[in-house]
């Protein structure tokens, strides 16, 4: 029986994933299973932290513009009068 080599499509897929994780250290850039796990975790973290950055920038700008003295008050304002908080946020952004 002759030896069958694996298809090139699987190799292309793995190479594409490897290109994403080139800068990772150790097995996270070499082994296929850990590469795919690290890629998923990296993308999840990037998405989560993008939202955190927006939230942090908004609060920082509120402190800077002296709209915000106490976070508890802002939380109450968001719960009771969401429109008011939205107007303040738009005022800060523009």
N, C-alpha and C. Protein backbone atom coordinates (compact mmCIF):
# COMPACT_ATOMS: atom_id res chain seq x y z
N UNK A 1 0.85 -1.18 0.00
CA UNK A 1 0.00 0.00 0.00
C UNK A 1 0.90 1.25 0.00
N UNK A 2 0.56 2.18 -0.82
CA UNK A 2 1.38 3.40 -0.93
C UNK A 2 1.03 4.39 0.18
N UNK A 3 1.99 5.23 0.48
CA UNK A 3 1.82 6.23 1.54
C UNK A 3 1.01 7.40 1.00
N UNK A 4 0.02 7.82 1.77
CA UNK A 4 -0.82 8.95 1.36
C UNK A 4 -0.42 10.17 2.18
N UNK A 5 -0.10 11.25 1.48
CA UNK A 5 0.25 12.50 2.18
C UNK A 5 -1.01 13.32 2.37
N UNK A 6 -1.00 14.10 3.43
CA UNK A 6 -2.18 14.94 3.71
C UNK A 6 -2.31 16.03 2.65
N UNK A 7 -3.52 16.50 2.46
CA UNK A 7 -3.82 17.50 1.44
C UNK A 7 -3.23 18.86 1.75
N UNK A 8 -3.12 19.67 0.74
CA UNK A 8 -2.49 20.98 0.89
C UNK A 8 -3.45 21.99 1.52
N UNK A 9 -4.75 21.71 1.50
CA UNK A 9 -5.72 22.66 2.05
C UNK A 9 -5.54 22.79 3.56
N UNK A 10 -5.36 21.64 4.22
CA UNK A 10 -5.14 21.67 5.67
C UNK A 10 -3.85 22.42 6.00
N UNK A 11 -2.82 22.20 5.19
CA UNK A 11 -1.55 22.89 5.41
C UNK A 11 -1.72 24.40 5.25
N UNK A 12 -2.49 24.81 4.23
CA UNK A 12 -2.73 26.24 4.01
C UNK A 12 -3.45 26.86 5.20
N UNK A 13 -4.44 26.12 5.73
CA UNK A 13 -5.21 26.62 6.88
C UNK A 13 -4.31 26.80 8.10
N UNK A 14 -3.47 25.81 8.35
CA UNK A 14 -2.56 25.90 9.51
C UNK A 14 -1.55 27.02 9.33
N UNK A 15 -1.06 27.19 8.11
CA UNK A 15 -0.08 28.26 7.85
C UNK A 15 -0.71 29.62 8.08
N UNK A 16 -1.97 29.76 7.68
CA UNK A 16 -2.67 31.04 7.86
C UNK A 16 -2.82 31.37 9.35
N UNK A 17 -3.14 30.34 10.14
CA UNK A 17 -3.26 30.55 11.59
C UNK A 17 -1.90 30.87 12.19
N UNK A 18 -0.84 30.19 11.71
CA UNK A 18 0.51 30.41 12.22
C UNK A 18 0.98 31.84 11.97
N UNK A 19 0.61 32.41 10.84
CA UNK A 19 1.01 33.78 10.53
C UNK A 19 0.46 34.77 11.56
N UNK A 20 -0.72 34.47 12.11
CA UNK A 20 -1.34 35.33 13.12
C UNK A 20 -0.55 35.30 14.42
N UNK A 21 0.02 34.11 14.75
CA UNK A 21 0.66 33.92 16.05
C UNK A 21 2.18 33.92 15.97
N UNK A 22 2.75 34.53 14.96
CA UNK A 22 4.21 34.53 14.81
C UNK A 22 4.93 35.16 16.00
N UNK A 23 4.36 36.20 16.57
CA UNK A 23 5.05 36.92 17.64
C UNK A 23 4.85 36.30 19.02
N UNK A 24 4.02 35.26 19.12
CA UNK A 24 3.78 34.64 20.42
C UNK A 24 4.99 33.81 20.83
N UNK A 25 5.13 33.59 22.15
CA UNK A 25 6.31 32.89 22.65
C UNK A 25 6.05 31.40 22.85
N UNK A 26 7.10 30.61 22.67
CA UNK A 26 7.07 29.19 22.99
C UNK A 26 6.13 28.38 22.11
N UNK A 27 5.43 27.44 22.74
CA UNK A 27 4.55 26.53 22.01
C UNK A 27 3.37 27.27 21.39
N UNK A 28 3.08 28.46 21.89
CA UNK A 28 1.94 29.23 21.39
C UNK A 28 2.15 29.69 19.96
N UNK A 29 3.37 29.59 19.45
CA UNK A 29 3.60 29.94 18.06
C UNK A 29 4.05 28.74 17.23
N UNK A 30 4.09 27.54 17.85
CA UNK A 30 4.60 26.37 17.13
C UNK A 30 3.60 25.23 17.00
N UNK A 31 2.86 24.94 18.05
CA UNK A 31 1.96 23.78 18.04
C UNK A 31 0.55 24.19 17.59
N UNK A 32 0.00 23.41 16.69
CA UNK A 32 -1.24 23.79 16.02
C UNK A 32 -2.40 23.96 16.99
N UNK A 33 -2.56 23.05 17.93
CA UNK A 33 -3.69 23.15 18.86
C UNK A 33 -3.59 24.40 19.72
N UNK A 34 -2.42 24.61 20.29
CA UNK A 34 -2.27 25.78 21.16
C UNK A 34 -2.33 27.08 20.36
N UNK A 35 -1.89 27.03 19.10
CA UNK A 35 -1.97 28.22 18.25
C UNK A 35 -3.42 28.64 18.08
N UNK A 36 -4.29 27.67 17.78
CA UNK A 36 -5.70 28.01 17.56
C UNK A 36 -6.35 28.51 18.84
N UNK A 37 -5.97 27.94 19.99
CA UNK A 37 -6.53 28.40 21.27
C UNK A 37 -6.08 29.82 21.57
N UNK A 38 -4.80 30.10 21.36
CA UNK A 38 -4.26 31.43 21.63
C UNK A 38 -4.87 32.48 20.70
N UNK A 39 -5.13 32.07 19.45
CA UNK A 39 -5.72 33.01 18.49
C UNK A 39 -7.12 33.41 18.96
N UNK A 40 -7.91 32.44 19.38
CA UNK A 40 -9.26 32.72 19.86
C UNK A 40 -9.20 33.63 21.07
N UNK A 41 -8.32 33.30 22.01
CA UNK A 41 -8.21 34.11 23.24
C UNK A 41 -7.74 35.53 22.93
N UNK A 42 -6.82 35.67 21.98
CA UNK A 42 -6.32 37.00 21.61
C UNK A 42 -7.42 37.85 21.01
N UNK A 43 -8.22 37.25 20.14
CA UNK A 43 -9.30 38.00 19.50
C UNK A 43 -10.38 38.40 20.51
N UNK A 44 -10.69 37.49 21.45
CA UNK A 44 -11.66 37.80 22.49
C UNK A 44 -11.16 38.96 23.36
N UNK A 45 -9.88 38.89 23.74
CA UNK A 45 -9.30 39.94 24.58
C UNK A 45 -9.29 41.28 23.84
N UNK A 46 -8.98 41.26 22.57
CA UNK A 46 -8.93 42.50 21.79
C UNK A 46 -10.30 43.15 21.74
N UNK A 47 -11.32 42.35 21.53
CA UNK A 47 -12.68 42.88 21.46
C UNK A 47 -13.11 43.44 22.80
N UNK A 48 -12.84 42.70 23.88
CA UNK A 48 -13.23 43.12 25.22
C UNK A 48 -12.50 44.41 25.62
N UNK A 49 -11.21 44.47 25.35
CA UNK A 49 -10.43 45.62 25.77
C UNK A 49 -10.72 46.86 24.95
N UNK A 50 -11.20 46.68 23.72
CA UNK A 50 -11.60 47.83 22.91
C UNK A 50 -12.78 48.54 23.58
N UNK A 51 -13.73 47.75 24.11
CA UNK A 51 -14.86 48.34 24.82
C UNK A 51 -14.41 49.00 26.11
N UNK A 52 -13.49 48.35 26.83
CA UNK A 52 -12.99 48.93 28.08
C UNK A 52 -12.29 50.26 27.84
N UNK A 53 -11.56 50.33 26.73
CA UNK A 53 -10.84 51.57 26.41
C UNK A 53 -11.81 52.71 26.17
N UNK A 54 -12.90 52.43 25.44
CA UNK A 54 -13.90 53.47 25.17
C UNK A 54 -14.52 53.94 26.48
N UNK A 55 -14.83 53.00 27.36
CA UNK A 55 -15.45 53.33 28.64
C UNK A 55 -14.50 54.18 29.49
N UNK A 56 -13.23 53.77 29.51
CA UNK A 56 -12.23 54.50 30.29
C UNK A 56 -12.01 55.90 29.77
N UNK A 57 -11.99 56.05 28.43
CA UNK A 57 -11.80 57.38 27.85
C UNK A 57 -12.97 58.29 28.17
N UNK A 58 -14.19 57.73 28.17
CA UNK A 58 -15.36 58.55 28.48
C UNK A 58 -15.29 59.05 29.92
N UNK A 59 -14.95 58.16 30.85
CA UNK A 59 -14.86 58.58 32.26
C UNK A 59 -13.74 59.58 32.46
N UNK A 60 -12.62 59.37 31.78
CA UNK A 60 -11.50 60.31 31.90
C UNK A 60 -11.90 61.69 31.40
N UNK A 61 -12.61 61.72 30.27
CA UNK A 61 -13.04 63.01 29.73
C UNK A 61 -14.08 63.69 30.63
N UNK A 62 -14.88 62.87 31.32
CA UNK A 62 -15.85 63.46 32.26
C UNK A 62 -15.13 64.08 33.45
N UNK A 63 -14.08 63.42 33.95
CA UNK A 63 -13.30 64.00 35.03
C UNK A 63 -12.62 65.28 34.58
N UNK A 64 -12.06 65.23 33.37
CA UNK A 64 -11.33 66.37 32.84
C UNK A 64 -12.24 67.57 32.62
N UNK A 65 -13.45 67.32 32.13
CA UNK A 65 -14.40 68.40 31.90
C UNK A 65 -15.15 68.80 33.16
N UNK A 66 -14.80 68.19 34.27
CA UNK A 66 -15.40 68.45 35.58
C UNK A 66 -16.91 68.20 35.60
N UNK A 67 -17.36 67.25 34.77
CA UNK A 67 -18.75 66.81 34.84
C UNK A 67 -18.92 65.74 35.89
N UNK A 68 -17.81 65.10 36.22
CA UNK A 68 -17.88 63.92 37.09
C UNK A 68 -17.09 64.17 38.37
N UNK A 69 -17.77 64.07 39.46
CA UNK A 69 -17.10 64.13 40.76
C UNK A 69 -17.16 62.76 41.45
N UNK A 70 -18.25 62.06 41.25
CA UNK A 70 -18.47 60.81 41.94
C UNK A 70 -19.08 59.79 40.98
N UNK A 71 -18.49 58.61 40.88
CA UNK A 71 -18.99 57.59 39.95
C UNK A 71 -20.37 57.08 40.34
N UNK A 72 -20.67 57.06 41.63
CA UNK A 72 -21.98 56.57 42.09
C UNK A 72 -23.09 57.47 41.56
N UNK A 73 -22.83 58.76 41.55
CA UNK A 73 -23.83 59.70 41.04
C UNK A 73 -24.06 59.47 39.56
N UNK A 74 -22.99 59.23 38.82
CA UNK A 74 -23.11 58.97 37.37
C UNK A 74 -23.89 57.68 37.14
N UNK A 75 -23.64 56.66 37.96
CA UNK A 75 -24.37 55.39 37.82
C UNK A 75 -25.86 55.60 38.07
N UNK A 76 -26.20 56.37 39.09
CA UNK A 76 -27.61 56.66 39.38
C UNK A 76 -28.26 57.45 38.25
N UNK A 77 -27.49 58.41 37.71
CA UNK A 77 -27.99 59.20 36.60
C UNK A 77 -28.28 58.31 35.39
N UNK A 78 -27.39 57.34 35.13
CA UNK A 78 -27.58 56.42 34.02
C UNK A 78 -28.81 55.55 34.21
N UNK A 79 -29.07 55.14 35.45
CA UNK A 79 -30.23 54.29 35.72
C UNK A 79 -31.53 55.09 35.63
N UNK A 80 -31.56 56.24 36.31
CA UNK A 80 -32.80 57.00 36.39
C UNK A 80 -33.08 57.83 35.14
N UNK A 81 -32.05 58.49 34.62
CA UNK A 81 -32.24 59.36 33.46
C UNK A 81 -31.14 59.07 32.43
N UNK A 82 -31.37 58.03 31.66
CA UNK A 82 -30.39 57.62 30.65
C UNK A 82 -30.17 58.70 29.60
N UNK A 83 -31.23 59.45 29.28
CA UNK A 83 -31.13 60.53 28.30
C UNK A 83 -30.13 61.58 28.73
N UNK A 84 -30.16 61.92 30.00
CA UNK A 84 -29.28 62.96 30.54
C UNK A 84 -27.82 62.54 30.40
N UNK A 85 -27.53 61.31 30.74
CA UNK A 85 -26.15 60.81 30.63
C UNK A 85 -25.70 60.78 29.18
N UNK A 86 -26.60 60.40 28.28
CA UNK A 86 -26.28 60.38 26.85
C UNK A 86 -25.96 61.78 26.33
N UNK A 87 -26.73 62.76 26.78
CA UNK A 87 -26.49 64.15 26.36
C UNK A 87 -25.15 64.64 26.86
N UNK A 88 -24.80 64.32 28.09
CA UNK A 88 -23.49 64.73 28.65
C UNK A 88 -22.36 64.06 27.87
N UNK A 89 -22.52 62.78 27.58
CA UNK A 89 -21.48 62.05 26.84
C UNK A 89 -21.28 62.65 25.45
N UNK A 90 -22.37 62.99 24.77
CA UNK A 90 -22.26 63.62 23.44
C UNK A 90 -21.63 64.99 23.53
N UNK A 91 -21.90 65.72 24.59
CA UNK A 91 -21.31 67.04 24.78
C UNK A 91 -19.79 66.93 24.98
N UNK A 92 -19.37 65.90 25.69
CA UNK A 92 -17.94 65.69 25.95
C UNK A 92 -17.22 65.28 24.67
N UNK A 93 -17.84 64.38 23.92
CA UNK A 93 -17.20 63.87 22.70
C UNK A 93 -17.02 64.96 21.67
N UNK A 94 -17.99 65.84 21.52
CA UNK A 94 -17.89 66.90 20.51
C UNK A 94 -17.22 68.15 21.03
